[in-house]
C-alpha atoms as a PDB file:
ATOM      1  CA  UNK A   1       0.000   0.000   0.000  1.00  0.00           C
ATOM      2  CA  UNK A   2       1.194   3.510  -0.822  1.00  0.00           C
ATOM      3  CA  UNK A   3       0.109   6.430   1.366  1.00  0.00           C
ATOM      4  CA  UNK A   4       0.462   9.949  -0.033  1.00  0.00           C
ATOM      5  CA  UNK A   5      -0.478  13.183   1.725  1.00  0.00           C
ATOM      6  CA  UNK A   6      -0.910  16.494  -0.101  1.00  0.00           C
ATOM      7  CA  UNK A   7      -1.479  19.853   1.562  1.00  0.00           C
ATOM      8  CA  UNK A   8      -3.196  22.746  -0.200  1.00  0.00           C
ATOM      9  CA  UNK A   9      -2.516  26.021   1.575  1.00  0.00           C
ATOM     10  CA  UNK A  10      -4.859  28.950   1.104  1.00  0.00           C
ATOM     11  CA  UNK A  11      -2.482  31.884   1.494  1.00  0.00           C
ATOM     12  CA  UNK A  12      -4.896  34.799   0.985  1.00  0.00           C
ATOM     13  CA  UNK A  13      -6.289  36.338   4.123  1.00  0.00           C
ATOM     14  CA  UNK A  14      -9.809  37.758   4.567  1.00  0.00           C
ATOM     15  CA  UNK A  15     -10.015  41.360   3.372  1.00  0.00           C
ATOM     16  CA  UNK A  16     -11.154  42.775   6.696  1.00  0.00           C
ATOM     17  CA  UNK A  17      -9.729  42.495  10.182  1.00  0.00           C
ATOM     18  CA  UNK A  18      -7.034  40.230  11.598  1.00  0.00           C
ATOM     19  CA  UNK A  19      -7.300  36.620  10.525  1.00  0.00           C
ATOM     20  CA  UNK A  20      -7.426  34.023  13.257  1.00  0.00           C
ATOM     21  CA  UNK A  21      -7.847  30.396  12.254  1.00  0.00           C
ATOM     22  CA  UNK A  22      -9.250  29.654  15.706  1.00  0.00           C
ATOM     23  CA  UNK A  23     -12.186  32.033  15.141  1.00  0.00           C
ATOM     24  CA  UNK A  24     -12.965  31.025  11.558  1.00  0.00           C
ATOM     25  CA  UNK A  25     -15.148  28.111  10.428  1.00  0.00           C
ATOM     26  CA  UNK A  26     -13.462  25.439   8.293  1.00  0.00           C
ATOM     27  CA  UNK A  27     -13.284  25.867   4.552  1.00  0.00           C
ATOM     28  CA  UNK A  28     -16.362  24.168   3.092  1.00  0.00           C
ATOM     29  CA  UNK A  29     -15.809  21.064   0.974  1.00  0.00           C
ATOM     30  CA  UNK A  30     -18.105  19.483  -1.583  1.00  0.00           C
ATOM     31  CA  UNK A  31     -17.585  16.995  -4.415  1.00  0.00           C
ATOM     32  CA  UNK A  32     -19.745  16.059  -7.374  1.00  0.00           C
ATOM     33  CA  UNK A  33     -19.039  14.786 -10.895  1.00  0.00           C
ATOM     34  CA  UNK A  34     -15.279  14.685 -10.215  1.00  0.00           C
ATOM     35  CA  UNK A  35     -15.211  18.351  -9.164  1.00  0.00           C
ATOM     36  CA  UNK A  36     -14.007  19.245  -5.660  1.00  0.00           C
ATOM     37  CA  UNK A  37     -15.186  22.683  -4.518  1.00  0.00           C
ATOM     38  CA  UNK A  38     -13.457  24.566  -1.694  1.00  0.00           C
ATOM     39  CA  UNK A  39     -15.476  27.572  -0.588  1.00  0.00           C
ATOM     40  CA  UNK A  40     -15.443  30.436   1.917  1.00  0.00           C
ATOM     41  CA  UNK A  41     -16.859  33.991   1.767  1.00  0.00           C
ATOM     42  CA  UNK A  42     -13.372  35.550   1.844  1.00  0.00           C
ATOM     43  CA  UNK A  43     -11.877  33.520  -1.035  1.00  0.00           C
ATOM     44  CA  UNK A  44     -11.732  35.574  -4.273  1.00  0.00           C
ATOM     45  CA  UNK A  45     -14.720  34.368  -6.261  1.00  0.00           C
ATOM     46  CA  UNK A  46     -15.906  32.669  -3.015  1.00  0.00           C
ATOM     47  CA  UNK A  47     -14.751  29.253  -4.214  1.00  0.00           C
ATOM     48  CA  UNK A  48     -11.936  27.298  -5.808  1.00  0.00           C
ATOM     49  CA  UNK A  49     -12.832  24.404  -8.102  1.00  0.00           C
ATOM     50  CA  UNK A  50     -10.509  21.410  -8.408  1.00  0.00           C
ATOM     51  CA  UNK A  51     -10.895  18.632 -10.965  1.00  0.00           C
ATOM     52  CA  UNK A  52     -10.303  15.634  -8.704  1.00  0.00           C
ATOM     53  CA  UNK A  53      -9.234  12.902  -9.534  1.00  0.00           C
ATOM     54  CA  UNK A  54      -7.850  13.735 -12.958  1.00  0.00           C
ATOM     55  CA  UNK A  55      -5.728  10.860 -14.244  1.00  0.00           C
ATOM     56  CA  UNK A  56      -3.874   7.646 -13.407  1.00  0.00           C
ATOM     57  CA  UNK A  57      -0.994   7.143 -15.816  1.00  0.00           C
ATOM     58  CA  UNK A  58       1.190   4.455 -17.355  1.00  0.00           C
ATOM     59  CA  UNK A  59       4.988   4.896 -17.563  1.00  0.00           C
ATOM     60  CA  UNK A  60       6.502   6.395 -20.725  1.00  0.00           C
ATOM     61  CA  UNK A  61       3.922   9.191 -20.756  1.00  0.00           C
ATOM     62  CA  UNK A  62       6.064  12.186 -21.769  1.00  0.00           C
ATOM     63  CA  UNK A  63       6.179  11.559 -25.533  1.00  0.00           C
ATOM     64  CA  UNK A  64       2.916   9.710 -26.014  1.00  0.00           C
ATOM     65  CA  UNK A  65      -0.697  10.547 -26.738  1.00  0.00           C
ATOM     66  CA  UNK A  66      -2.518  11.254 -23.457  1.00  0.00           C
ATOM     67  CA  UNK A  67      -5.283   8.770 -24.254  1.00  0.00           C
ATOM     68  CA  UNK A  68      -2.715   5.971 -24.483  1.00  0.00           C
ATOM     69  CA  UNK A  69      -1.249   6.993 -21.121  1.00  0.00           C
ATOM     70  CA  UNK A  70      -4.318   7.254 -18.918  1.00  0.00           C
ATOM     71  CA  UNK A  71      -5.814   4.210 -17.187  1.00  0.00           C
ATOM     72  CA  UNK A  72      -9.640   4.165 -16.882  1.00  0.00           C
ATOM     73  CA  UNK A  73     -10.866   4.979 -13.375  1.00  0.00           C
ATOM     74  CA  UNK A  74     -14.075   5.844 -11.547  1.00  0.00           C
ATOM     75  CA  UNK A  75     -14.453   7.877  -8.360  1.00  0.00           C
ATOM     76  CA  UNK A  76     -17.445   7.816  -6.002  1.00  0.00           C
ATOM     77  CA  UNK A  77     -18.324   9.744  -2.861  1.00  0.00           C
ATOM     78  CA  UNK A  78     -18.281   7.572   0.250  1.00  0.00           C
ATOM     79  CA  UNK A  79     -19.247  10.151   2.891  1.00  0.00           C
ATOM     80  CA  UNK A  80     -19.394  13.881   3.650  1.00  0.00           C
ATOM     81  CA  UNK A  81     -19.408  15.413   7.126  1.00  0.00           C
ATOM     82  CA  UNK A  82     -22.292  17.639   8.202  1.00  0.00           C
ATOM     83  CA  UNK A  83     -19.809  20.412   9.066  1.00  0.00           C
ATOM     84  CA  UNK A  84     -18.535  20.390   5.492  1.00  0.00           C
ATOM     85  CA  UNK A  85     -14.943  19.849   6.613  1.00  0.00           C
ATOM     86  CA  UNK A  86     -14.401  16.213   5.589  1.00  0.00           C
ATOM     87  CA  UNK A  87     -14.972  14.099   2.499  1.00  0.00           C
ATOM     88  CA  UNK A  88     -14.180  10.454   1.885  1.00  0.00           C
ATOM     89  CA  UNK A  89     -13.990   9.182  -1.682  1.00  0.00           C
ATOM     90  CA  UNK A  90     -13.018   5.936  -3.364  1.00  0.00           C
ATOM     91  CA  UNK A  91     -11.465   5.448  -6.791  1.00  0.00           C
ATOM     92  CA  UNK A  92     -11.287   2.146  -8.657  1.00  0.00           C
ATOM     93  CA  UNK A  93      -8.524   2.074 -11.273  1.00  0.00           C
ATOM     94  CA  UNK A  94      -8.720  -0.705 -13.848  1.00  0.00           C
ATOM     95  CA  UNK A  95      -8.259  -3.536 -13.392  1.00  0.00           C
ATOM     96  CA  UNK A  96      -7.921  -3.908  -9.596  1.00  0.00           C
ATOM     97  CA  UNK A  97      -6.201  -0.870  -8.083  1.00  0.00           C
ATOM     98  CA  UNK A  98      -8.113   0.802  -5.265  1.00  0.00           C
ATOM     99  CA  UNK A  99      -7.507   4.362  -4.038  1.00  0.00           C
ATOM    100  CA  UNK A 100      -9.124   5.629  -0.845  1.00  0.00           C
ATOM    101  CA  UNK A 101      -8.881   9.358  -0.327  1.00  0.00           C
ATOM    102  CA  UNK A 102      -9.804  11.542   2.600  1.00  0.00           C
ATOM    103  CA  UNK A 103     -10.058  15.320   2.294  1.00  0.00           C
ATOM    104  CA  UNK A 104     -10.073  17.466   5.438  1.00  0.00           C
ATOM    105  CA  UNK A 105     -10.205  21.223   5.911  1.00  0.00           C
ATOM    106  CA  UNK A 106      -9.482  23.768   8.619  1.00  0.00           C
ATOM    107  CA  UNK A 107      -9.981  27.526   8.386  1.00  0.00           C
ATOM    108  CA  UNK A 108      -6.938  28.005   6.162  1.00  0.00           C
ATOM    109  CA  UNK A 109      -5.817  24.683   4.685  1.00  0.00           C
ATOM    110  CA  UNK A 110      -6.976  21.520   2.985  1.00  0.00           C
ATOM    111  CA  UNK A 111      -5.237  18.167   3.488  1.00  0.00           C
ATOM    112  CA  UNK A 112      -5.661  15.254   1.068  1.00  0.00           C
ATOM    113  CA  UNK A 113      -4.583  11.760   2.101  1.00  0.00           C
ATOM    114  CA  UNK A 114      -4.449   8.889  -0.402  1.00  0.00           C
ATOM    115  CA  UNK A 115      -4.135   5.174   0.322  1.00  0.00           C
ATOM    116  CA  UNK A 116      -3.476   3.208  -2.854  1.00  0.00           C
ATOM    117  CA  UNK A 117      -3.465  -0.579  -2.992  1.00  0.00           C
ATOM    118  CA  UNK A 118      -3.244  -3.106  -5.816  1.00  0.00           C
ATOM    119  CA  UNK A 119      -5.877  -5.760  -5.054  1.00  0.00           C
ATOM    120  CA  UNK A 120      -4.870  -7.942  -7.994  1.00  0.00           C
ATOM    121  CA  UNK A 121      -2.265 -10.673  -8.229  1.00  0.00           C
ATOM    122  CA  UNK A 122      -0.373  -9.066 -11.126  1.00  0.00           C
ATOM    123  CA  UNK A 123       1.619  -5.830 -11.315  1.00  0.00           C
ATOM    124  CA  UNK A 124      -0.628  -2.895 -12.224  1.00  0.00           C
ATOM    125  CA  UNK A 125       0.425  -0.714 -15.159  1.00  0.00           C
ATOM    126  CA  UNK A 126       0.090   2.498 -13.102  1.00  0.00           C
ATOM    127  CA  UNK A 127       3.257   4.529 -12.590  1.00  0.00           C
ATOM    128  CA  UNK A 128       1.997   7.918 -11.375  1.00  0.00           C
ATOM    129  CA  UNK A 129      -1.209   9.871 -10.961  1.00  0.00           C
ATOM    130  CA  UNK A 130      -2.361  13.437 -11.445  1.00  0.00           C
ATOM    131  CA  UNK A 131      -4.828  14.041  -8.613  1.00  0.00           C
ATOM    132  CA  UNK A 132      -5.853  17.638  -9.149  1.00  0.00           C
ATOM    133  CA  UNK A 133      -6.288  20.323 -11.782  1.00  0.00           C
ATOM    134  CA  UNK A 134      -7.078  23.593 -10.004  1.00  0.00           C
ATOM    135  CA  UNK A 135      -9.069  26.376 -11.681  1.00  0.00           C
ATOM    136  CA  UNK A 136      -7.345  29.545 -10.518  1.00  0.00           C
ATOM    137  CA  UNK A 137      -8.740  32.333 -12.735  1.00  0.00           C
ATOM    138  CA  UNK A 138     -11.028  33.976 -10.150  1.00  0.00           C
ATOM    139  CA  UNK A 139      -8.653  33.129  -7.302  1.00  0.00           C
ATOM    140  CA  UNK A 140      -5.762  35.000  -8.966  1.00  0.00           C
ATOM    141  CA  UNK A 141      -7.888  37.752 -10.476  1.00  0.00           C
ATOM    142  CA  UNK A 142      -6.469  36.867 -13.892  1.00  0.00           C
ATOM    143  CA  UNK A 143      -7.432  34.753 -16.917  1.00  0.00           C
ATOM    144  CA  UNK A 144      -5.988  31.889 -18.965  1.00  0.00           C
ATOM    145  CA  UNK A 145      -3.447  34.181 -20.654  1.00  0.00           C
ATOM    146  CA  UNK A 146      -1.935  35.885 -17.605  1.00  0.00           C
ATOM    147  CA  UNK A 147      -2.671  33.939 -14.394  1.00  0.00           C
ATOM    148  CA  UNK A 148       1.010  32.928 -14.161  1.00  0.00           C
ATOM    149  CA  UNK A 149       1.764  36.515 -13.053  1.00  0.00           C
ATOM    150  CA  UNK A 150       0.316  35.520  -9.682  1.00  0.00           C
ATOM    151  CA  UNK A 151       1.505  31.904  -9.594  1.00  0.00           C
ATOM    152  CA  UNK A 152       4.823  30.688  -8.206  1.00  0.00           C
ATOM    153  CA  UNK A 153       7.119  27.810  -7.370  1.00  0.00           C
ATOM    154  CA  UNK A 154      10.143  27.681  -5.101  1.00  0.00           C
ATOM    155  CA  UNK A 155      13.455  27.411  -6.947  1.00  0.00           C
ATOM    156  CA  UNK A 156      17.010  27.575  -5.605  1.00  0.00           C
ATOM    157  CA  UNK A 157      16.500  31.369  -5.613  1.00  0.00           C
ATOM    158  CA  UNK A 158      13.449  31.097  -3.364  1.00  0.00           C
ATOM    159  CA  UNK A 159       9.855  32.036  -4.257  1.00  0.00           C
ATOM    160  CA  UNK A 160       9.810  32.675  -8.011  1.00  0.00           C
ATOM    161  CA  UNK A 161       6.819  33.832 -10.051  1.00  0.00           C
ATOM    162  CA  UNK A 162       6.118  31.735 -13.119  1.00  0.00           C
ATOM    163  CA  UNK A 163       6.111  34.651 -15.566  1.00  0.00           C
ATOM    164  CA  UNK A 164       9.779  35.273 -14.655  1.00  0.00           C
ATOM    165  CA  UNK A 165      10.909  31.755 -15.558  1.00  0.00           C
ATOM    166  CA  UNK A 166      12.013  30.856 -19.119  1.00  0.00           C
ATOM    167  CA  UNK A 167       9.273  28.795 -20.751  1.00  0.00           C
ATOM    168  CA  UNK A 168       9.736  25.665 -22.852  1.00  0.00           C
ATOM    169  CA  UNK A 169       7.559  25.258 -25.959  1.00  0.00           C
ATOM    170  CA  UNK A 170       8.245  21.887 -27.585  1.00  0.00           C
ATOM    171  CA  UNK A 171       6.158  18.885 -26.469  1.00  0.00           C
ATOM    172  CA  UNK A 172       3.457  16.499 -27.622  1.00  0.00           C
ATOM    173  CA  UNK A 173       0.926  19.081 -26.421  1.00  0.00           C
ATOM    174  CA  UNK A 174       1.716  22.809 -26.600  1.00  0.00           C
ATOM    175  CA  UNK A 175       0.771  25.183 -23.809  1.00  0.00           C
ATOM    176  CA  UNK A 176       1.263  24.912 -20.074  1.00  0.00           C
ATOM    177  CA  UNK A 177       4.478  23.986 -18.339  1.00  0.00           C
ATOM    178  CA  UNK A 178       5.713  20.991 -16.369  1.00  0.00           C
ATOM    179  CA  UNK A 179       8.050  21.610 -13.419  1.00  0.00           C
ATOM    180  CA  UNK A 180       9.909  18.430 -12.499  1.00  0.00           C
ATOM    181  CA  UNK A 181      11.898  17.899  -9.316  1.00  0.00           C
ATOM    182  CA  UNK A 182      15.339  16.338  -9.403  1.00  0.00           C
ATOM    183  CA  UNK A 183      15.218  12.529  -9.339  1.00  0.00           C
ATOM    184  CA  UNK A 184      12.005  12.164 -11.361  1.00  0.00           C
ATOM    185  CA  UNK A 185      12.288  10.238 -14.636  1.00  0.00           C
ATOM    186  CA  UNK A 186      11.617  12.754 -17.426  1.00  0.00           C
ATOM    187  CA  UNK A 187      10.135   9.955 -19.561  1.00  0.00           C
ATOM    188  CA  UNK A 188       7.254   9.564 -17.093  1.00  0.00           C
ATOM    189  CA  UNK A 189       5.671  13.017 -16.743  1.00  0.00           C
ATOM    190  CA  UNK A 190       2.842  15.025 -18.284  1.00  0.00           C
ATOM    191  CA  UNK A 191       3.322  15.399 -22.080  1.00  0.00           C
ATOM    192  CA  UNK A 192       3.395  19.200 -22.014  1.00  0.00           C
ATOM    193  CA  UNK A 193       6.550  21.362 -22.252  1.00  0.00           C
ATOM    194  CA  UNK A 194       9.069  20.537 -19.507  1.00  0.00           C
ATOM    195  CA  UNK A 195      10.645  23.589 -17.880  1.00  0.00           C
ATOM    196  CA  UNK A 196      14.429  23.738 -17.615  1.00  0.00           C
ATOM    197  CA  UNK A 197      13.948  25.155 -14.109  1.00  0.00           C
ATOM    198  CA  UNK A 198      13.662  22.570 -11.357  1.00  0.00           C
ATOM    199  CA  UNK A 199      11.471  23.311  -8.314  1.00  0.00           C
ATOM    200  CA  UNK A 200      13.259  23.166  -4.972  1.00  0.00           C
ATOM    201  CA  UNK A 201      10.314  21.612  -3.137  1.00  0.00           C
ATOM    202  CA  UNK A 202       6.805  20.347  -3.815  1.00  0.00           C
ATOM    203  CA  UNK A 203       4.951  23.612  -3.181  1.00  0.00           C
ATOM    204  CA  UNK A 204       3.337  25.542  -6.017  1.00  0.00           C
ATOM    205  CA  UNK A 205       0.904  28.392  -5.461  1.00  0.00           C
END
């Protein structure tokens, strides 16, 4: 079994008064039709939508058609707390891989925990997965052409905005950018342009 924990940090503060996580209700979570919604009155646009889960992928994905890379999967909602601060979902990845995921929220963060297990007797042809595609237009106050002005990764120079990083262009699919940490096989990543700049940690915002 593989256990993976991701942490989404909401770094914008409410526009009025001092922010205290102890006095604020948890961010509200909902999920339907593969769309996770994180909402609060103080979030720009009042909500952030996340396509979750997006894709489970075979190795050798970088230079191959996306449809040949992705493994069919189906996600269902198991339970949702009355407070709106916890979701449990289950994903079945063909043929016999099972992924349990729990999503929890506090006033200023969302934690996603995945437990992945192959229930079959043979090795599953799943090398990596892409759990979330976040829609950030309203959150950043920008659109598809310029949202990178308010998006960042951490490089060896520290926090670096994406519009100040040289962009690669050549790939199976044009547009977007893939930032790959040291030690990851470049043959097994998303088939969009791979940046020459390596992130220093796993945080992107």
